[in-house]
Full PDB file with SEQRES, HELIX, SHEET, SSBOND, CRYST1, ORIGX, SCALE, CONECT and MASTER records, all heavy atoms in Angstrom:
SEQRES   1 A   39  PHE ALA SER PRO ILE ILE SER LEU ILE LEU VAL ILE LEU          
SEQRES   2 A   39  GLY PHE ILE PRO LEU LEU LEU GLU PHE VAL MET TYR LYS          
SEQRES   3 A   39  GLN PHE ILE ASP PRO LEU PHE ILE ALA HIS PRO SER HIS          
HELIX    1 AA1 PRO A    4  PRO A   17  1                                  14    
HELIX    2 AA2 LEU A   18  VAL A   23  3                                   6    
HELIX    3 AA3 ASP A   30  LEU A   32  5                                   3    
CRYST1    1.000    1.000    1.000  90.00  90.00  90.00 P 1           1          
ORIGX1      1.000000  0.000000  0.000000        0.00000                         
ORIGX2      0.000000  1.000000  0.000000        0.00000                         
ORIGX3      0.000000  0.000000  1.000000        0.00000                         
SCALE1      1.000000  0.000000  0.000000        0.00000                         
SCALE2      0.000000  1.000000  0.000000        0.00000                         
SCALE3      0.000000  0.000000  1.000000        0.00000                         
ATOM      1  N   PHE A   1     133.365  20.863 -70.066  1.00  0.00           N  
ATOM      2  CA  PHE A   1     133.079  21.559 -71.339  1.00  0.00           C  
ATOM      3  C   PHE A   1     131.534  21.766 -71.542  1.00  0.00           C  
ATOM      4  O   PHE A   1     131.155  22.394 -72.557  1.00  0.00           O  
ATOM      5  CB  PHE A   1     133.639  20.904 -72.591  1.00  0.00           C  
ATOM      6  CG  PHE A   1     135.195  20.658 -72.497  1.00  0.00           C  
ATOM      7  CD1 PHE A   1     135.736  19.530 -72.176  1.00  0.00           C  
ATOM      8  CD2 PHE A   1     136.003  21.811 -72.566  1.00  0.00           C  
ATOM      9  CE1 PHE A   1     137.125  19.321 -72.122  1.00  0.00           C  
ATOM     10  CE2 PHE A   1     137.343  21.619 -72.525  1.00  0.00           C  
ATOM     11  CZ  PHE A   1     137.913  20.383 -72.282  1.00  0.00           C  
ATOM     12  N   ALA A   2     130.679  21.217 -70.683  1.00  0.00           N  
ATOM     13  CA  ALA A   2     129.254  21.527 -70.781  1.00  0.00           C  
ATOM     14  C   ALA A   2     128.669  22.033 -69.508  1.00  0.00           C  
ATOM     15  O   ALA A   2     128.503  23.130 -69.262  1.00  0.00           O  
ATOM     16  CB  ALA A   2     128.627  20.235 -71.333  1.00  0.00           C  
ATOM     17  N   SER A   3     128.346  21.080 -68.620  1.00  0.00           N  
ATOM     18  CA  SER A   3     127.704  21.429 -67.339  1.00  0.00           C  
ATOM     19  C   SER A   3     127.794  20.438 -66.393  1.00  0.00           C  
ATOM     20  O   SER A   3     127.696  19.076 -66.739  1.00  0.00           O  
ATOM     21  CB  SER A   3     126.018  21.632 -67.709  1.00  0.00           C  
ATOM     22  OG  SER A   3     125.356  21.635 -66.563  1.00  0.00           O  
ATOM     23  N   PRO A   4     127.988  20.669 -65.128  1.00  0.00           N  
ATOM     24  CA  PRO A   4     128.010  19.733 -64.116  1.00  0.00           C  
ATOM     25  C   PRO A   4     126.817  19.060 -63.837  1.00  0.00           C  
ATOM     26  O   PRO A   4     126.643  17.777 -63.419  1.00  0.00           O  
ATOM     27  CB  PRO A   4     128.529  20.423 -62.856  1.00  0.00           C  
ATOM     28  CG  PRO A   4     128.147  21.888 -63.037  1.00  0.00           C  
ATOM     29  CD  PRO A   4     128.262  22.040 -64.590  1.00  0.00           C  
ATOM     30  N   ILE A   5     125.693  19.589 -64.254  1.00  0.00           N  
ATOM     31  CA  ILE A   5     124.357  18.964 -64.077  1.00  0.00           C  
ATOM     32  C   ILE A   5     124.309  17.785 -65.118  1.00  0.00           C  
ATOM     33  O   ILE A   5     123.910  16.736 -64.708  1.00  0.00           O  
ATOM     34  CB  ILE A   5     123.285  19.903 -64.419  1.00  0.00           C  
ATOM     35  CG1 ILE A   5     123.251  21.015 -63.287  1.00  0.00           C  
ATOM     36  CG2 ILE A   5     121.939  19.250 -64.460  1.00  0.00           C  
ATOM     37  CD1 ILE A   5     122.093  22.126 -63.514  1.00  0.00           C  
ATOM     38  N   ILE A   6     124.726  18.000 -66.401  1.00  0.00           N  
ATOM     39  CA  ILE A   6     124.776  16.775 -67.249  1.00  0.00           C  
ATOM     40  C   ILE A   6     125.753  15.801 -66.857  1.00  0.00           C  
ATOM     41  O   ILE A   6     125.458  14.623 -66.961  1.00  0.00           O  
ATOM     42  CB  ILE A   6     125.117  17.385 -68.753  1.00  0.00           C  
ATOM     43  CG1 ILE A   6     124.182  18.402 -69.228  1.00  0.00           C  
ATOM     44  CG2 ILE A   6     125.316  16.135 -69.622  1.00  0.00           C  
ATOM     45  CD1 ILE A   6     124.533  19.093 -70.501  1.00  0.00           C  
ATOM     46  N   SER A   7     126.802  16.214 -66.280  1.00  0.00           N  
ATOM     47  CA  SER A   7     127.850  15.250 -65.814  1.00  0.00           C  
ATOM     48  C   SER A   7     127.222  14.439 -64.563  1.00  0.00           C  
ATOM     49  O   SER A   7     127.400  13.206 -64.570  1.00  0.00           O  
ATOM     50  CB  SER A   7     129.031  15.993 -65.234  1.00  0.00           C  
ATOM     51  OG  SER A   7     129.969  15.069 -64.551  1.00  0.00           O  
ATOM     52  N   LEU A   8     126.450  15.077 -63.729  1.00  0.00           N  
ATOM     53  CA  LEU A   8     125.846  14.250 -62.639  1.00  0.00           C  
ATOM     54  C   LEU A   8     124.755  13.272 -63.174  1.00  0.00           C  
ATOM     55  O   LEU A   8     124.733  12.192 -62.634  1.00  0.00           O  
ATOM     56  CB  LEU A   8     125.110  15.352 -61.742  1.00  0.00           C  
ATOM     57  CG  LEU A   8     124.373  14.559 -60.481  1.00  0.00           C  
ATOM     58  CD1 LEU A   8     125.197  13.917 -59.581  1.00  0.00           C  
ATOM     59  CD2 LEU A   8     123.541  15.760 -59.795  1.00  0.00           C  
ATOM     60  N   ILE A   9     123.974  13.673 -64.247  1.00  0.00           N  
ATOM     61  CA  ILE A   9     122.998  12.736 -64.829  1.00  0.00           C  
ATOM     62  C   ILE A   9     123.675  11.525 -65.436  1.00  0.00           C  
ATOM     63  O   ILE A   9     123.347  10.364 -65.140  1.00  0.00           O  
ATOM     64  CB  ILE A   9     122.177  13.481 -65.840  1.00  0.00           C  
ATOM     65  CG1 ILE A   9     121.294  14.617 -65.257  1.00  0.00           C  
ATOM     66  CG2 ILE A   9     121.396  12.614 -66.753  1.00  0.00           C  
ATOM     67  CD1 ILE A   9     120.604  15.546 -66.214  1.00  0.00           C  
ATOM     68  N   LEU A  10     124.787  11.724 -66.040  1.00  0.00           N  
ATOM     69  CA  LEU A  10     125.538  10.699 -66.612  1.00  0.00           C  
ATOM     70  C   LEU A  10     126.097   9.712 -65.556  1.00  0.00           C  
ATOM     71  O   LEU A  10     126.008   8.400 -65.816  1.00  0.00           O  
ATOM     72  CB  LEU A  10     126.816  11.299 -67.563  1.00  0.00           C  
ATOM     73  CG  LEU A  10     126.388  11.879 -68.864  1.00  0.00           C  
ATOM     74  CD1 LEU A  10     127.642  12.675 -69.545  1.00  0.00           C  
ATOM     75  CD2 LEU A  10     125.864  10.826 -69.809  1.00  0.00           C  
ATOM     76  N   VAL A  11     126.706  10.274 -64.627  1.00  0.00           N  
ATOM     77  CA  VAL A  11     127.211   9.413 -63.511  1.00  0.00           C  
ATOM     78  C   VAL A  11     126.067   8.494 -62.944  1.00  0.00           C  
ATOM     79  O   VAL A  11     126.339   7.331 -62.575  1.00  0.00           O  
ATOM     80  CB  VAL A  11     127.878  10.204 -62.463  1.00  0.00           C  
ATOM     81  CG1 VAL A  11     128.343   9.271 -61.275  1.00  0.00           C  
ATOM     82  CG2 VAL A  11     129.115  10.953 -62.988  1.00  0.00           C  
ATOM     83  N   ILE A  12     124.992   9.204 -62.587  1.00  0.00           N  
ATOM     84  CA  ILE A  12     123.956   8.430 -61.953  1.00  0.00           C  
ATOM     85  C   ILE A  12     123.411   7.304 -62.907  1.00  0.00           C  
ATOM     86  O   ILE A  12     123.130   6.258 -62.508  1.00  0.00           O  
ATOM     87  CB  ILE A  12     122.689   9.349 -61.725  1.00  0.00           C  
ATOM     88  CG1 ILE A  12     123.070  10.295 -60.567  1.00  0.00           C  
ATOM     89  CG2 ILE A  12     121.417   8.544 -61.294  1.00  0.00           C  
ATOM     90  CD1 ILE A  12     122.165  11.396 -60.245  1.00  0.00           C  
ATOM     91  N   LEU A  13     123.300   7.642 -64.207  1.00  0.00           N  
ATOM     92  CA  LEU A  13     122.920   6.604 -65.170  1.00  0.00           C  
ATOM     93  C   LEU A  13     123.852   5.467 -65.286  1.00  0.00           C  
ATOM     94  O   LEU A  13     123.494   4.194 -65.361  1.00  0.00           O  
ATOM     95  CB  LEU A  13     122.784   7.323 -66.657  1.00  0.00           C  
ATOM     96  CG  LEU A  13     121.671   8.174 -66.819  1.00  0.00           C  
ATOM     97  CD1 LEU A  13     121.698   8.891 -68.261  1.00  0.00           C  
ATOM     98  CD2 LEU A  13     120.351   7.407 -66.750  1.00  0.00           C  
ATOM     99  N   GLY A  14     125.195   5.697 -65.162  1.00  0.00           N  
ATOM    100  CA  GLY A  14     126.192   4.730 -65.074  1.00  0.00           C  
ATOM    101  C   GLY A  14     126.096   3.893 -63.808  1.00  0.00           C  
ATOM    102  O   GLY A  14     126.410   2.669 -63.904  1.00  0.00           O  
ATOM    103  N   PHE A  15     125.779   4.401 -62.810  1.00  0.00           N  
ATOM    104  CA  PHE A  15     125.694   3.731 -61.471  1.00  0.00           C  
ATOM    105  C   PHE A  15     124.480   2.754 -61.441  1.00  0.00           C  
ATOM    106  O   PHE A  15     124.535   1.681 -60.835  1.00  0.00           O  
ATOM    107  CB  PHE A  15     125.488   4.668 -60.264  1.00  0.00           C  
ATOM    108  CG  PHE A  15     126.809   4.997 -59.477  1.00  0.00           C  
ATOM    109  CD1 PHE A  15     127.353   6.139 -59.378  1.00  0.00           C  
ATOM    110  CD2 PHE A  15     127.491   3.855 -58.830  1.00  0.00           C  
ATOM    111  CE1 PHE A  15     128.595   6.318 -58.735  1.00  0.00           C  
ATOM    112  CE2 PHE A  15     128.658   4.038 -58.054  1.00  0.00           C  
ATOM    113  CZ  PHE A  15     129.186   5.256 -58.009  1.00  0.00           C  
ATOM    114  N   ILE A  16     123.464   3.179 -62.029  1.00  0.00           N  
ATOM    115  CA  ILE A  16     122.217   2.383 -61.890  1.00  0.00           C  
ATOM    116  C   ILE A  16     122.342   0.912 -62.235  1.00  0.00           C  
ATOM    117  O   ILE A  16     122.001  -0.033 -61.477  1.00  0.00           O  
ATOM    118  CB  ILE A  16     120.982   3.047 -62.576  1.00  0.00           C  
ATOM    119  CG1 ILE A  16     120.597   4.295 -61.904  1.00  0.00           C  
ATOM    120  CG2 ILE A  16     119.858   2.066 -62.640  1.00  0.00           C  
ATOM    121  CD1 ILE A  16     119.613   5.165 -62.605  1.00  0.00           C  
ATOM    122  N   PRO A  17     122.773   0.584 -63.514  1.00  0.00           N  
ATOM    123  CA  PRO A  17     122.935  -0.819 -63.879  1.00  0.00           C  
ATOM    124  C   PRO A  17     124.026  -1.545 -63.107  1.00  0.00           C  
ATOM    125  O   PRO A  17     123.903  -2.747 -62.788  1.00  0.00           O  
ATOM    126  CB  PRO A  17     123.193  -0.741 -65.392  1.00  0.00           C  
ATOM    127  CG  PRO A  17     123.749   0.585 -65.633  1.00  0.00           C  
ATOM    128  CD  PRO A  17     123.088   1.397 -64.602  1.00  0.00           C  
ATOM    129  N   LEU A  18     125.123  -0.864 -62.744  1.00  0.00           N  
ATOM    130  CA  LEU A  18     126.150  -1.498 -61.957  1.00  0.00           C  
ATOM    131  C   LEU A  18     125.608  -1.947 -60.528  1.00  0.00           C  
ATOM    132  O   LEU A  18     125.815  -3.032 -60.216  1.00  0.00           O  
ATOM    133  CB  LEU A  18     127.305  -0.394 -61.727  1.00  0.00           C  
ATOM    134  CG  LEU A  18     128.441  -0.923 -61.065  1.00  0.00           C  
ATOM    135  CD1 LEU A  18     129.775  -0.062 -61.490  1.00  0.00           C  
ATOM    136  CD2 LEU A  18     128.400  -0.842 -59.492  1.00  0.00           C  
ATOM    137  N   LEU A  19     124.820  -1.109 -59.925  1.00  0.00           N  
ATOM    138  CA  LEU A  19     124.306  -1.384 -58.519  1.00  0.00           C  
ATOM    139  C   LEU A  19     123.293  -2.407 -58.661  1.00  0.00           C  
ATOM    140  O   LEU A  19     123.234  -3.539 -57.890  1.00  0.00           O  
ATOM    141  CB  LEU A  19     123.727  -0.163 -57.928  1.00  0.00           C  
ATOM    142  CG  LEU A  19     124.728   0.874 -57.471  1.00  0.00           C  
ATOM    143  CD1 LEU A  19     124.165   2.127 -56.935  1.00  0.00           C  
ATOM    144  CD2 LEU A  19     125.752   0.293 -56.397  1.00  0.00           C  
ATOM    145  N   LEU A  20     122.352  -2.273 -59.606  1.00  0.00           N  
ATOM    146  CA  LEU A  20     121.210  -3.270 -59.697  1.00  0.00           C  
ATOM    147  C   LEU A  20     121.506  -4.588 -60.306  1.00  0.00           C  
ATOM    148  O   LEU A  20     121.126  -5.680 -59.777  1.00  0.00           O  
ATOM    149  CB  LEU A  20     120.031  -2.553 -60.480  1.00  0.00           C  
ATOM    150  CG  LEU A  20     119.413  -1.360 -59.832  1.00  0.00           C  
ATOM    151  CD1 LEU A  20     118.260  -0.822 -60.794  1.00  0.00           C  
ATOM    152  CD2 LEU A  20     118.838  -1.741 -58.484  1.00  0.00           C  
ATOM    153  N   GLU A  21     122.320  -4.627 -61.214  1.00  0.00           N  
ATOM    154  CA  GLU A  21     122.726  -5.895 -61.829  1.00  0.00           C  
ATOM    155  C   GLU A  21     123.839  -6.614 -61.068  1.00  0.00           C  
ATOM    156  O   GLU A  21     123.746  -7.718 -60.670  1.00  0.00           O  
ATOM    157  CB  GLU A  21     123.179  -5.713 -63.465  1.00  0.00           C  
ATOM    158  CG  GLU A  21     121.909  -5.567 -64.339  1.00  0.00           C  
ATOM    159  CD  GLU A  21     121.199  -6.900 -64.693  1.00  0.00           C  
ATOM    160  OE1 GLU A  21     121.757  -7.986 -64.299  1.00  0.00           O  
ATOM    161  OE2 GLU A  21     120.281  -6.865 -65.338  1.00  0.00           O  
ATOM    162  N   PHE A  22     124.988  -5.943 -60.920  1.00  0.00           N  
ATOM    163  CA  PHE A  22     126.220  -6.536 -60.471  1.00  0.00           C  
ATOM    164  C   PHE A  22     126.280  -6.708 -58.940  1.00  0.00           C  
ATOM    165  O   PHE A  22     126.644  -7.729 -58.392  1.00  0.00           O  
ATOM    166  CB  PHE A  22     127.421  -5.858 -60.971  1.00  0.00           C  
ATOM    167  CG  PHE A  22     128.681  -6.520 -60.613  1.00  0.00           C  
ATOM    168  CD1 PHE A  22     129.057  -7.775 -61.128  1.00  0.00           C  
ATOM    169  CD2 PHE A  22     129.571  -5.973 -59.591  1.00  0.00           C  
ATOM    170  CE1 PHE A  22     130.221  -8.408 -60.860  1.00  0.00           C  
ATOM    171  CE2 PHE A  22     130.761  -6.595 -59.251  1.00  0.00           C  
ATOM    172  CZ  PHE A  22     131.072  -7.805 -59.913  1.00  0.00           C  
ATOM    173  N   VAL A  23     125.695  -5.657 -58.208  1.00  0.00           N  
ATOM    174  CA  VAL A  23     125.796  -5.683 -56.828  1.00  0.00           C  
ATOM    175  C   VAL A  23     124.562  -6.364 -56.187  1.00  0.00           C  
ATOM    176  O   VAL A  23     124.672  -7.209 -55.381  1.00  0.00           O  
ATOM    177  CB  VAL A  23     125.886  -4.221 -56.222  1.00  0.00           C  
ATOM    178  CG1 VAL A  23     125.865  -4.218 -54.720  1.00  0.00           C  
ATOM    179  CG2 VAL A  23     127.097  -3.584 -56.729  1.00  0.00           C  
ATOM    180  N   MET A  24     123.299  -6.050 -56.767  1.00  0.00           N  
ATOM    181  CA  MET A  24     122.154  -6.541 -56.063  1.00  0.00           C  
ATOM    182  C   MET A  24     121.526  -7.763 -56.874  1.00  0.00           C  
ATOM    183  O   MET A  24     120.532  -8.289 -56.504  1.00  0.00           O  
ATOM    184  CB  MET A  24     121.167  -5.474 -55.925  1.00  0.00           C  
ATOM    185  CG  MET A  24     121.595  -4.301 -55.064  1.00  0.00           C  
ATOM    186  SD  MET A  24     120.406  -2.983 -54.915  1.00  0.00           S  
ATOM    187  CE  MET A  24     119.177  -3.833 -53.884  1.00  0.00           C  
ATOM    188  N   TYR A  25     122.001  -8.113 -58.040  1.00  0.00           N  
ATOM    189  CA  TYR A  25     121.653  -9.273 -58.851  1.00  0.00           C  
ATOM    190  C   TYR A  25     120.246  -9.101 -59.368  1.00  0.00           C  
ATOM    191  O   TYR A  25     119.419 -10.091 -59.282  1.00  0.00           O  
ATOM    192  CB  TYR A  25     121.778 -10.474 -58.076  1.00  0.00           C  
ATOM    193  CG  TYR A  25     123.317 -10.984 -58.117  1.00  0.00           C  
ATOM    194  CD1 TYR A  25     124.322 -10.226 -57.550  1.00  0.00           C  
ATOM    195  CD2 TYR A  25     123.626 -12.286 -58.614  1.00  0.00           C  
ATOM    196  CE1 TYR A  25     125.615 -10.711 -57.604  1.00  0.00           C  
ATOM    197  CE2 TYR A  25     124.964 -12.715 -58.610  1.00  0.00           C  
ATOM    198  CZ  TYR A  25     125.884 -11.919 -58.076  1.00  0.00           C  
ATOM    199  OH  TYR A  25     127.253 -12.368 -58.109  1.00  0.00           O  
ATOM    200  N   LYS A  26     119.728  -7.900 -59.492  1.00  0.00           N  
ATOM    201  CA  LYS A  26     118.325  -7.636 -60.060  1.00  0.00           C  
ATOM    202  C   LYS A  26     118.426  -7.864 -61.595  1.00  0.00           C  
ATOM    203  O   LYS A  26     119.342  -7.680 -62.233  1.00  0.00           O  
ATOM    204  CB  LYS A  26     117.803  -6.212 -59.727  1.00  0.00           C  
ATOM    205  CG  LYS A  26     117.811  -5.909 -58.250  1.00  0.00           C  
ATOM    206  CD  LYS A  26     116.698  -6.521 -57.510  1.00  0.00           C  
ATOM    207  CE  LYS A  26     116.591  -6.170 -56.191  1.00  0.00           C  
ATOM    208  NZ  LYS A  26     115.576  -6.765 -55.354  1.00  0.00           N  
ATOM    209  N   GLN A  27     117.339  -8.371 -62.164  1.00  0.00           N  
ATOM    210  CA  GLN A  27     117.122  -8.473 -63.518  1.00  0.00           C  
ATOM    211  C   GLN A  27     116.659  -7.280 -64.175  1.00  0.00           C  
ATOM    212  O   GLN A  27     115.599  -7.078 -64.735  1.00  0.00           O  
ATOM    213  CB  GLN A  27     116.288  -9.714 -63.838  1.00  0.00           C  
ATOM    214  CG  GLN A  27     116.810 -11.063 -63.277  1.00  0.00           C  
ATOM    215  CD  GLN A  27     115.960 -12.265 -63.494  1.00  0.00           C  
ATOM    216  OE1 GLN A  27     115.475 -12.318 -64.590  1.00  0.00           O  
ATOM    217  NE2 GLN A  27     115.796 -13.094 -62.435  1.00  0.00           N  
ATOM    218  N   PHE A  28     117.582  -6.221 -64.099  1.00  0.00           N  
ATOM    219  CA  PHE A  28     117.190  -4.939 -64.451  1.00  0.00           C  
ATOM    220  C   PHE A  28     117.278  -4.627 -65.928  1.00  0.00           C  
ATOM    221  O   PHE A  28     116.321  -4.136 -66.615  1.00  0.00           O  
ATOM    222  CB  PHE A  28     118.042  -3.902 -63.726  1.00  0.00           C  
ATOM    223  CG  PHE A  28     117.840  -2.360 -63.956  1.00  0.00           C  
ATOM    224  CD1 PHE A  28     116.497  -1.767 -63.741  1.00  0.00           C  
ATOM    225  CD2 PHE A  28     118.849  -1.642 -64.640  1.00  0.00           C  
ATOM    226  CE1 PHE A  28     116.341  -0.507 -64.137  1.00  0.00           C  
ATOM    227  CE2 PHE A  28     118.585  -0.325 -64.923  1.00  0.00           C  
ATOM    228  CZ  PHE A  28     117.348   0.223 -64.618  1.00  0.00           C  
ATOM    229  N   ILE A  29     118.399  -4.989 -66.556  1.00  0.00           N  
ATOM    230  CA  ILE A  29     118.516  -4.693 -67.999  1.00  0.00           C  
ATOM    231  C   ILE A  29     118.448  -6.017 -68.884  1.00  0.00           C  
ATOM    232  O   ILE A  29     118.727  -5.913 -70.081  1.00  0.00           O  
ATOM    233  CB  ILE A  29     119.916  -3.940 -68.318  1.00  0.00           C  
ATOM    234  CG1 ILE A  29     121.077  -4.772 -67.886  1.00  0.00           C  
ATOM    235  CG2 ILE A  29     119.909  -2.580 -67.727  1.00  0.00           C  
ATOM    236  CD1 ILE A  29     122.438  -4.268 -68.262  1.00  0.00           C  
ATOM    237  N   ASP A  30     118.040  -7.057 -68.270  1.00  0.00           N  
ATOM    238  CA  ASP A  30     118.013  -8.334 -68.935  1.00  0.00           C  
ATOM    239  C   ASP A  30     117.093  -8.275 -70.246  1.00  0.00           C  
ATOM    240  O   ASP A  30     117.538  -8.861 -71.340  1.00  0.00           O  
ATOM    241  CB  ASP A  30     117.412  -9.354 -67.999  1.00  0.00           C  
ATOM    242  CG  ASP A  30     118.341  -9.827 -66.872  1.00  0.00           C  
ATOM    243  OD1 ASP A  30     119.081  -8.855 -66.374  1.00  0.00           O  
ATOM    244  OD2 ASP A  30     118.389 -11.044 -66.607  1.00  0.00           O  
ATOM    245  N   PRO A  31     115.982  -7.638 -70.207  1.00  0.00           N  
ATOM    246  CA  PRO A  31     115.170  -7.601 -71.534  1.00  0.00           C  
ATOM    247  C   PRO A  31     115.941  -6.919 -72.642  1.00  0.00           C  
ATOM    248  O   PRO A  31     115.518  -7.099 -73.804  1.00  0.00           O  
ATOM    249  CB  PRO A  31     113.968  -6.789 -71.025  1.00  0.00           C  
ATOM    250  CG  PRO A  31     113.824  -6.885 -69.632  1.00  0.00           C  
ATOM    251  CD  PRO A  31     115.228  -6.953 -69.151  1.00  0.00           C  
ATOM    252  N   LEU A  32     116.932  -6.201 -72.421  1.00  0.00           N  
ATOM    253  CA  LEU A  32     117.811  -5.581 -73.478  1.00  0.00           C  
ATOM    254  C   LEU A  32     118.654  -6.574 -74.278  1.00  0.00           C  
ATOM    255  O   LEU A  32     119.227  -6.257 -75.328  1.00  0.00           O  
ATOM    256  CB  LEU A  32     118.560  -4.555 -72.958  1.00  0.00           C  
ATOM    257  CG  LEU A  32     117.853  -3.199 -72.338  1.00  0.00           C  
ATOM    258  CD1 LEU A  32     118.747  -2.218 -71.825  1.00  0.00           C  
ATOM    259  CD2 LEU A  32     116.838  -2.704 -73.285  1.00  0.00           C  
ATOM    260  N   PHE A  33     118.795  -7.814 -73.762  1.00  0.00           N  
ATOM    261  CA  PHE A  33     119.699  -8.801 -74.295  1.00  0.00           C  
ATOM    262  C   PHE A  33     118.938  -9.994 -74.743  1.00  0.00           C  
ATOM    263  O   PHE A  33     117.797 -10.342 -74.299  1.00  0.00           O  
ATOM    264  CB  PHE A  33     120.766  -9.157 -73.195  1.00  0.00           C  
ATOM    265  CG  PHE A  33     121.647  -8.026 -72.794  1.00  0.00           C  
ATOM    266  CD1 PHE A  33     121.302  -7.031 -71.919  1.00  0.00           C  
ATOM    267  CD2 PHE A  33     122.888  -7.934 -73.474  1.00  0.00           C  
ATOM    268  CE1 PHE A  33     122.099  -6.052 -71.576  1.00  0.00           C  
ATOM    269  CE2 PHE A  33     123.690  -6.882 -73.129  1.00  0.00           C  
ATOM    270  CZ  PHE A  33     123.331  -5.986 -72.160  1.00  0.00           C  
ATOM    271  N   ILE A  34     119.625 -10.782 -75.642  1.00  0.00           N  
ATOM    272  CA  ILE A  34     119.009 -11.995 -76.208  1.00  0.00           C  
ATOM    273  C   ILE A  34     118.756 -12.994 -75.131  1.00  0.00           C  
ATOM    274  O   ILE A  34     119.560 -13.207 -74.263  1.00  0.00           O  
ATOM    275  CB  ILE A  34     119.833 -12.602 -77.333  1.00  0.00           C  
ATOM    276  CG1 ILE A  34     119.989 -11.591 -78.467  1.00  0.00           C  
ATOM    277  CG2 ILE A  34     119.339 -13.918 -77.789  1.00  0.00           C  
ATOM    278  CD1 ILE A  34     121.098 -11.909 -79.496  1.00  0.00           C  
ATOM    279  N   ALA A  35     117.530 -13.666 -75.132  1.00  0.00           N  
ATOM    280  CA  ALA A  35     117.217 -14.760 -74.219  1.00  0.00           C  
ATOM    281  C   ALA A  35     117.663 -16.125 -74.780  1.00  0.00           C  
ATOM    282  O   ALA A  35     117.640 -16.338 -75.910  1.00  0.00           O  
ATOM    283  CB  ALA A  35     115.725 -14.746 -73.932  1.00  0.00           C  
ATOM    284  N   HIS A  36     118.102 -16.968 -73.939  1.00  0.00           N  
ATOM    285  CA  HIS A  36     118.562 -18.320 -74.214  1.00  0.00           C  
ATOM    286  C   HIS A  36     117.844 -19.237 -73.201  1.00  0.00           C  
ATOM    287  O   HIS A  36     117.729 -18.915 -72.128  1.00  0.00           O  
ATOM    288  CB  HIS A  36     120.044 -18.420 -74.032  1.00  0.00           C  
ATOM    289  CG  HIS A  36     120.891 -17.576 -75.005  1.00  0.00           C  
ATOM    290  ND1 HIS A  36     121.239 -17.820 -76.256  1.00  0.00           N  
ATOM    291  CD2 HIS A  36     121.310 -16.199 -74.659  1.00  0.00           C  
ATOM    292  CE1 HIS A  36     121.939 -16.863 -76.794  1.00  0.00           C  
ATOM    293  NE2 HIS A  36     121.923 -15.856 -75.917  1.00  0.00           N  
ATOM    294  N   PRO A  37     117.691 -20.416 -73.660  1.00  0.00           N  
ATOM    295  CA  PRO A  37     117.133 -21.621 -72.831  1.00  0.00           C  
ATOM    296  C   PRO A  37     118.273 -21.953 -71.791  1.00  0.00           C  
ATOM    297  O   PRO A  37     119.422 -22.306 -72.268  1.00  0.00           O  
ATOM    298  CB  PRO A  37     116.694 -22.644 -73.673  1.00  0.00           C  
ATOM    299  CG  PRO A  37     117.476 -22.456 -74.969  1.00  0.00           C  
ATOM    300  CD  PRO A  37     117.768 -20.958 -75.032  1.00  0.00           C  
ATOM    301  N   SER A  38     117.865 -22.004 -70.630  1.00  0.00           N  
ATOM    302  CA  SER A  38     118.865 -22.607 -69.520  1.00  0.00           C  
ATOM    303  C   SER A  38     118.117 -23.574 -68.690  1.00  0.00           C  
ATOM    304  O   SER A  38     116.723 -23.591 -68.870  1.00  0.00           O  
ATOM    305  CB  SER A  38     119.499 -21.592 -68.684  1.00  0.00           C  
ATOM    306  OG  SER A  38     120.440 -22.116 -67.851  1.00  0.00           O  
ATOM    307  N   HIS A  39     118.839 -24.375 -67.960  1.00  0.00           N  
ATOM    308  CA  HIS A  39     118.035 -25.512 -67.266  1.00  0.00           C  
ATOM    309  C   HIS A  39     118.521 -25.703 -65.827  1.00  0.00           C  
ATOM    310  O   HIS A  39     119.643 -25.401 -65.524  1.00  0.00           O  
ATOM    311  CB  HIS A  39     118.152 -26.783 -68.023  1.00  0.00           C  
ATOM    312  CG  HIS A  39     117.639 -26.669 -69.493  1.00  0.00           C  
ATOM    313  ND1 HIS A  39     118.426 -26.168 -70.451  1.00  0.00           N  
ATOM    314  CD2 HIS A  39     116.600 -27.131 -70.103  1.00  0.00           C  
ATOM    315  CE1 HIS A  39     117.702 -26.174 -71.570  1.00  0.00           C  
ATOM    316  NE2 HIS A  39     116.681 -26.768 -71.371  1.00  0.00           N  
TER     317      HIS A  39                                                      
MASTER        0    0    0    3    0    0    0    6  316    1    0    3          
END                                                                             
């Protein structure tokens, strides 16, 4: 209903955190969440 270009942008945006956080274990979006002390 809009444009395949916008669709492509959305898919790429969805892929980025999935690949970096879950697949590669990078601390990519960590700053967006509350920090807790761990040990």
